[in-house]
Amino acid sequence: VQLLESGGGSVQSGGSLKLSCASSGSALYSDYHMAWFRQVPGKKREGVASLWFVGSKKYYADSVKGRFTISQDKNTQYLEVNDLKPEDTGMYYCAADPLRCSWYPVEASYWGQGTQVTVS
């Protein structure tokens, strides 16, 4: 399983981006738990959103509720990030796990390489 993120960039406060995570090597979305994490240098990686395809259950960190939306289409996972704030700056990673992408502690079987989001 390989995950490849894209869509990051530099935006001003209030701006929006759509992050993508394309998977290859397996049909993930019917069987895997998918999630997005972010990390700022010097800080721990934190979960921001997750998606169970079965039942379409979605979860969000309190800090991003109402602004971020996780979705999927076939083998691509998306994270729409709206009303961005400087504290949203960080490297965003998508992750997948056949059981569960854990937020506490942060654990997942598969990780992408990350895409940088910078908000000024």
Protein backbone atom coordinates (compact mmCIF):
# COMPACT_ATOMS: atom_id res chain seq x y z
CA VAL A 1 0.00 0.00 0.00
CA GLN A 2 1.37 3.38 -1.00
CA LEU A 3 -0.15 6.74 -0.16
CA LEU A 4 0.71 9.96 -1.98
CA GLU A 5 -0.51 13.33 -0.77
CA SER A 6 -0.82 16.50 -2.83
CA GLY A 7 -2.60 19.84 -2.75
CA GLY A 8 -0.71 21.66 -0.03
CA GLY A 9 0.47 25.23 -0.44
CA SER A 10 0.76 28.68 1.05
CA VAL A 11 -2.41 30.66 1.67
CA GLN A 12 -3.53 33.63 3.67
CA SER A 13 -5.76 33.41 6.72
CA GLY A 14 -9.28 32.57 5.70
CA GLY A 15 -8.15 30.74 2.60
CA SER A 16 -8.91 27.20 1.49
CA LEU A 17 -7.12 24.19 0.09
CA LYS A 18 -8.12 20.71 -0.98
CA LEU A 19 -5.63 18.04 -0.01
CA SER A 20 -5.64 14.72 -1.84
CA CYS A 21 -4.29 11.31 -0.91
CA ALA A 22 -4.08 8.77 -3.69
CA SER A 23 -3.57 5.15 -2.78
CA SER A 24 -2.06 2.37 -4.82
CA GLY A 25 -1.42 -1.27 -4.18
CA SER A 26 -4.74 -2.09 -2.61
CA ALA A 27 -8.39 -1.18 -2.72
CA LEU A 28 -8.34 0.64 0.57
CA TYR A 29 -11.52 2.44 1.06
CA SER A 30 -13.92 -0.41 1.48
CA ASP A 31 -11.82 -2.09 4.17
CA TYR A 32 -9.50 0.44 5.76
CA HIS A 33 -9.76 3.22 8.28
CA MET A 34 -8.40 6.41 6.73
CA ALA A 35 -7.20 9.50 8.52
CA TRP A 36 -5.37 12.79 8.20
CA PHE A 37 -2.76 13.95 10.68
CA ARG A 38 -0.66 17.08 10.88
CA GLN A 39 2.63 17.96 12.48
CA VAL A 40 4.46 21.15 13.26
CA PRO A 41 8.23 21.01 13.84
CA GLY A 42 8.93 20.44 17.51
CA LYS A 43 5.43 19.21 18.24
CA LYS A 44 3.77 15.83 18.23
CA ARG A 45 1.81 14.63 15.26
CA GLU A 46 -1.93 15.03 15.85
CA GLY A 47 -5.01 13.60 14.25
CA VAL A 48 -7.36 16.04 12.53
CA ALA A 49 -9.92 13.89 10.68
CA SER A 50 -10.75 10.26 10.06
CA LEU A 51 -13.15 8.29 7.94
CA TRP A 52 -14.66 4.86 8.14
CA PHE A 53 -15.89 4.00 4.67
CA VAL A 54 -18.28 1.42 6.02
CA GLY A 55 -21.09 3.48 7.49
CA SER A 56 -19.36 6.69 6.34
CA LYS A 57 -18.50 7.63 9.90
CA LYS A 58 -16.37 10.75 10.11
CA TYR A 59 -14.53 12.22 13.07
CA TYR A 60 -12.82 15.57 13.49
CA ALA A 61 -10.56 17.18 16.02
CA ASP A 62 -12.35 19.94 17.92
CA SER A 63 -9.93 22.50 16.51
CA VAL A 64 -11.04 21.83 12.92
CA LYS A 65 -14.74 21.01 13.26
CA GLY A 66 -16.83 23.04 10.90
CA ARG A 67 -13.81 24.01 8.80
CA PHE A 68 -12.34 20.72 7.56
CA THR A 69 -14.17 18.02 5.61
CA ILE A 70 -12.86 14.53 4.95
CA SER A 71 -14.19 12.53 2.03
CA GLN A 72 -13.22 9.81 -0.38
CA ASP A 73 -13.84 8.86 -3.99
CA LYS A 74 -12.70 5.39 -5.00
CA ASN A 75 -9.03 5.17 -4.07
CA THR A 76 -8.47 8.85 -3.35
CA GLN A 77 -9.06 10.47 0.01
CA TYR A 78 -9.59 14.22 0.34
CA LEU A 79 -9.35 16.79 3.08
CA GLU A 80 -10.97 20.11 2.31
CA VAL A 81 -9.57 22.76 4.60
CA ASN A 82 -11.47 26.02 4.81
CA ASP A 83 -11.20 29.23 6.82
CA LEU A 84 -7.56 28.44 7.42
CA LYS A 85 -5.78 29.94 10.41
CA PRO A 86 -2.05 30.36 11.07
CA GLU A 87 -2.26 27.59 13.67
CA ASP A 88 -3.29 25.18 10.90
CA THR A 89 0.20 25.48 9.46
CA GLY A 90 2.01 22.16 9.35
CA MET A 91 2.84 19.06 7.37
CA TYR A 92 -0.31 17.10 6.63
CA TYR A 93 -0.10 13.33 6.35
CA CYS A 94 -2.69 10.81 5.25
CA ALA A 95 -2.71 7.41 6.86
CA ALA A 96 -4.47 4.08 6.50
CA ASP A 97 -4.89 1.04 8.66
CA PRO A 98 -6.89 -2.17 8.22
CA LEU A 99 -8.20 -1.80 11.77
CA ARG A 100 -7.91 1.77 13.05
CA CYS A 101 -5.68 4.80 12.68
CA SER A 102 -5.00 5.64 16.31
CA TRP A 103 -4.81 9.25 17.45
CA TYR A 104 -3.70 8.47 21.03
CA PRO A 105 -0.99 7.33 20.54
CA VAL A 106 -0.51 8.18 16.88
CA GLU A 107 -0.26 4.90 15.03
CA ALA A 108 -1.17 3.61 11.57
CA SER A 109 0.09 0.90 9.27
CA TYR A 110 0.59 3.11 6.22
CA TRP A 111 1.65 6.74 5.83
CA GLY A 112 2.11 9.15 3.00
CA GLN A 113 5.11 11.44 2.72
CA GLY A 114 3.18 14.56 3.68
CA THR A 115 2.13 17.81 2.03
CA GLN A 116 2.94 21.20 3.55
CA VAL A 117 0.25 23.72 4.42
CA THR A 118 1.40 27.22 5.36
CA VAL A 119 -1.06 29.88 6.50
CA SER A 120 0.05 33.46 6.95
